[in-house]
């Protein structure tokens, strides 16, 4: 029997993903934000760089990925969608923002 190897980028540390998810929940409740806005607020925090170092520990070109996430909003958004939103375990149902909490623009008369 031939053992197949996985190709592509290895998945990140699930511990870091769950910590980020927990912080998103905390920011949602503390600042009354949607999950997306809480993620953006967390990404601007000074300790976010330490979380990214832990996430990319052991990977090649980790400085490139860390700098890209810290400086590029599009890369940060993709990271949230591909890693945090899809791969968090255990507390995933707590982060979803209810439709009644979305902000809507007022209609013009």
C-alpha atoms as a PDB file:
ATOM      1  CA  UNK A   1       0.000   0.000   0.000  1.00  0.00           C
ATOM      2  CA  UNK A   2       1.404   3.366  -1.053  1.00  0.00           C
ATOM      3  CA  UNK A   3       1.237   6.172   1.473  1.00  0.00           C
ATOM      4  CA  UNK A   4       0.147   9.441  -0.124  1.00  0.00           C
ATOM      5  CA  UNK A   5       1.670  12.673   1.103  1.00  0.00           C
ATOM      6  CA  UNK A   6      -0.317  15.843   1.391  1.00  0.00           C
ATOM      7  CA  UNK A   7       0.865  18.716  -0.720  1.00  0.00           C
ATOM      8  CA  UNK A   8       0.345  22.426  -0.260  1.00  0.00           C
ATOM      9  CA  UNK A   9       0.728  24.701   2.702  1.00  0.00           C
ATOM     10  CA  UNK A  10       0.416  22.927   6.053  1.00  0.00           C
ATOM     11  CA  UNK A  11      -2.425  23.958   8.317  1.00  0.00           C
ATOM     12  CA  UNK A  12      -1.697  26.359  11.120  1.00  0.00           C
ATOM     13  CA  UNK A  13      -1.693  25.775  14.837  1.00  0.00           C
ATOM     14  CA  UNK A  14      -5.276  25.144  15.973  1.00  0.00           C
ATOM     15  CA  UNK A  15      -4.453  26.568  19.413  1.00  0.00           C
ATOM     16  CA  UNK A  16      -3.671  29.969  17.869  1.00  0.00           C
ATOM     17  CA  UNK A  17      -6.803  29.813  15.714  1.00  0.00           C
ATOM     18  CA  UNK A  18      -8.963  29.180  18.765  1.00  0.00           C
ATOM     19  CA  UNK A  19      -7.261  31.989  20.715  1.00  0.00           C
ATOM     20  CA  UNK A  20      -7.974  34.405  17.871  1.00  0.00           C
ATOM     21  CA  UNK A  21     -11.561  33.185  17.748  1.00  0.00           C
ATOM     22  CA  UNK A  22     -11.934  33.710  21.497  1.00  0.00           C
ATOM     23  CA  UNK A  23     -10.567  37.244  21.186  1.00  0.00           C
ATOM     24  CA  UNK A  24     -13.052  37.970  18.397  1.00  0.00           C
ATOM     25  CA  UNK A  25     -15.869  36.894  20.718  1.00  0.00           C
ATOM     26  CA  UNK A  26     -14.456  39.053  23.495  1.00  0.00           C
ATOM     27  CA  UNK A  27     -14.170  42.116  21.238  1.00  0.00           C
ATOM     28  CA  UNK A  28     -17.715  41.546  19.953  1.00  0.00           C
ATOM     29  CA  UNK A  29     -19.157  41.681  23.431  1.00  0.00           C
ATOM     30  CA  UNK A  30     -16.880  44.402  24.820  1.00  0.00           C
ATOM     31  CA  UNK A  31     -17.173  46.865  21.931  1.00  0.00           C
ATOM     32  CA  UNK A  32     -20.550  45.669  20.543  1.00  0.00           C
ATOM     33  CA  UNK A  33     -19.138  44.952  17.079  1.00  0.00           C
ATOM     34  CA  UNK A  34     -19.884  42.413  14.383  1.00  0.00           C
ATOM     35  CA  UNK A  35     -17.479  39.464  14.133  1.00  0.00           C
ATOM     36  CA  UNK A  36     -15.852  40.983  11.033  1.00  0.00           C
ATOM     37  CA  UNK A  37     -15.282  44.383  12.680  1.00  0.00           C
ATOM     38  CA  UNK A  38     -14.007  42.684  15.840  1.00  0.00           C
ATOM     39  CA  UNK A  39     -11.462  40.790  13.700  1.00  0.00           C
ATOM     40  CA  UNK A  40     -10.271  44.033  12.106  1.00  0.00           C
ATOM     41  CA  UNK A  41      -9.920  45.679  15.522  1.00  0.00           C
ATOM     42  CA  UNK A  42      -7.945  42.686  16.804  1.00  0.00           C
ATOM     43  CA  UNK A  43      -5.676  42.772  13.743  1.00  0.00           C
ATOM     44  CA  UNK A  44      -4.673  46.347  14.607  1.00  0.00           C
ATOM     45  CA  UNK A  45      -3.683  45.426  18.171  1.00  0.00           C
ATOM     46  CA  UNK A  46       0.051  45.439  18.984  1.00  0.00           C
ATOM     47  CA  UNK A  47       0.020  41.816  20.235  1.00  0.00           C
ATOM     48  CA  UNK A  48      -1.416  40.536  16.943  1.00  0.00           C
ATOM     49  CA  UNK A  49       2.118  40.204  15.579  1.00  0.00           C
ATOM     50  CA  UNK A  50       2.963  37.736  18.375  1.00  0.00           C
ATOM     51  CA  UNK A  51      -0.056  35.594  17.472  1.00  0.00           C
ATOM     52  CA  UNK A  52       1.041  35.518  13.844  1.00  0.00           C
ATOM     53  CA  UNK A  53       4.585  34.520  14.859  1.00  0.00           C
ATOM     54  CA  UNK A  54       3.125  31.615  16.828  1.00  0.00           C
ATOM     55  CA  UNK A  55       0.847  30.658  13.917  1.00  0.00           C
ATOM     56  CA  UNK A  56       3.657  30.607  11.345  1.00  0.00           C
ATOM     57  CA  UNK A  57       6.260  29.023  13.669  1.00  0.00           C
ATOM     58  CA  UNK A  58       8.228  26.346  11.838  1.00  0.00           C
ATOM     59  CA  UNK A  59       7.233  27.457   8.351  1.00  0.00           C
ATOM     60  CA  UNK A  60       9.569  28.782   5.689  1.00  0.00           C
ATOM     61  CA  UNK A  61       9.223  32.458   4.699  1.00  0.00           C
ATOM     62  CA  UNK A  62       7.359  33.225   7.927  1.00  0.00           C
ATOM     63  CA  UNK A  63       8.620  36.832   7.969  1.00  0.00           C
ATOM     64  CA  UNK A  64       7.083  37.391   4.552  1.00  0.00           C
ATOM     65  CA  UNK A  65       3.678  36.080   5.670  1.00  0.00           C
ATOM     66  CA  UNK A  66       3.736  38.008   8.961  1.00  0.00           C
ATOM     67  CA  UNK A  67       4.604  41.306   7.263  1.00  0.00           C
ATOM     68  CA  UNK A  68       2.015  40.693   4.575  1.00  0.00           C
ATOM     69  CA  UNK A  69      -0.780  40.122   7.092  1.00  0.00           C
ATOM     70  CA  UNK A  70       0.241  43.124   9.191  1.00  0.00           C
ATOM     71  CA  UNK A  71       0.469  45.529   6.250  1.00  0.00           C
ATOM     72  CA  UNK A  72      -2.047  44.276   3.687  1.00  0.00           C
ATOM     73  CA  UNK A  73      -5.757  44.417   4.572  1.00  0.00           C
ATOM     74  CA  UNK A  74      -6.741  42.092   1.725  1.00  0.00           C
ATOM     75  CA  UNK A  75      -4.330  39.411   2.954  1.00  0.00           C
ATOM     76  CA  UNK A  76      -5.696  39.879   6.488  1.00  0.00           C
ATOM     77  CA  UNK A  77      -9.258  39.402   5.269  1.00  0.00           C
ATOM     78  CA  UNK A  78      -8.321  36.248   3.336  1.00  0.00           C
ATOM     79  CA  UNK A  79      -6.535  34.884   6.418  1.00  0.00           C
ATOM     80  CA  UNK A  80      -9.707  35.366   8.474  1.00  0.00           C
ATOM     81  CA  UNK A  81     -11.918  33.668   5.903  1.00  0.00           C
ATOM     82  CA  UNK A  82      -9.581  30.745   5.149  1.00  0.00           C
ATOM     83  CA  UNK A  83      -8.211  30.016   8.617  1.00  0.00           C
ATOM     84  CA  UNK A  84     -10.290  31.499  11.403  1.00  0.00           C
ATOM     85  CA  UNK A  85     -13.817  31.284  10.078  1.00  0.00           C
ATOM     86  CA  UNK A  86     -13.454  27.796   8.598  1.00  0.00           C
ATOM     87  CA  UNK A  87     -11.085  26.003  10.951  1.00  0.00           C
ATOM     88  CA  UNK A  88     -11.922  27.132  14.487  1.00  0.00           C
ATOM     89  CA  UNK A  89     -13.282  24.288  16.554  1.00  0.00           C
ATOM     90  CA  UNK A  90     -15.463  24.137  19.613  1.00  0.00           C
ATOM     91  CA  UNK A  91     -16.615  27.739  19.859  1.00  0.00           C
ATOM     92  CA  UNK A  92     -17.496  28.369  16.242  1.00  0.00           C
ATOM     93  CA  UNK A  93     -21.219  28.810  16.845  1.00  0.00           C
ATOM     94  CA  UNK A  94     -20.640  31.605  19.352  1.00  0.00           C
ATOM     95  CA  UNK A  95     -18.979  34.010  16.918  1.00  0.00           C
ATOM     96  CA  UNK A  96     -21.647  34.220  14.271  1.00  0.00           C
ATOM     97  CA  UNK A  97     -23.239  37.627  14.145  1.00  0.00           C
ATOM     98  CA  UNK A  98     -27.021  37.673  14.232  1.00  0.00           C
ATOM     99  CA  UNK A  99     -28.673  39.440  11.299  1.00  0.00           C
ATOM    100  CA  UNK A 100     -30.392  41.816  13.729  1.00  0.00           C
ATOM    101  CA  UNK A 101     -26.964  43.118  14.798  1.00  0.00           C
ATOM    102  CA  UNK A 102     -25.907  44.182  11.301  1.00  0.00           C
ATOM    103  CA  UNK A 103     -25.823  47.892  10.708  1.00  0.00           C
ATOM    104  CA  UNK A 104     -27.940  49.141   7.856  1.00  0.00           C
ATOM    105  CA  UNK A 105     -27.811  52.473   6.116  1.00  0.00           C
ATOM    106  CA  UNK A 106     -30.837  54.646   6.639  1.00  0.00           C
ATOM    107  CA  UNK A 107     -33.133  54.980   3.665  1.00  0.00           C
ATOM    108  CA  UNK A 108     -33.311  58.378   2.076  1.00  0.00           C
ATOM    109  CA  UNK A 109     -36.694  59.991   1.762  1.00  0.00           C
END
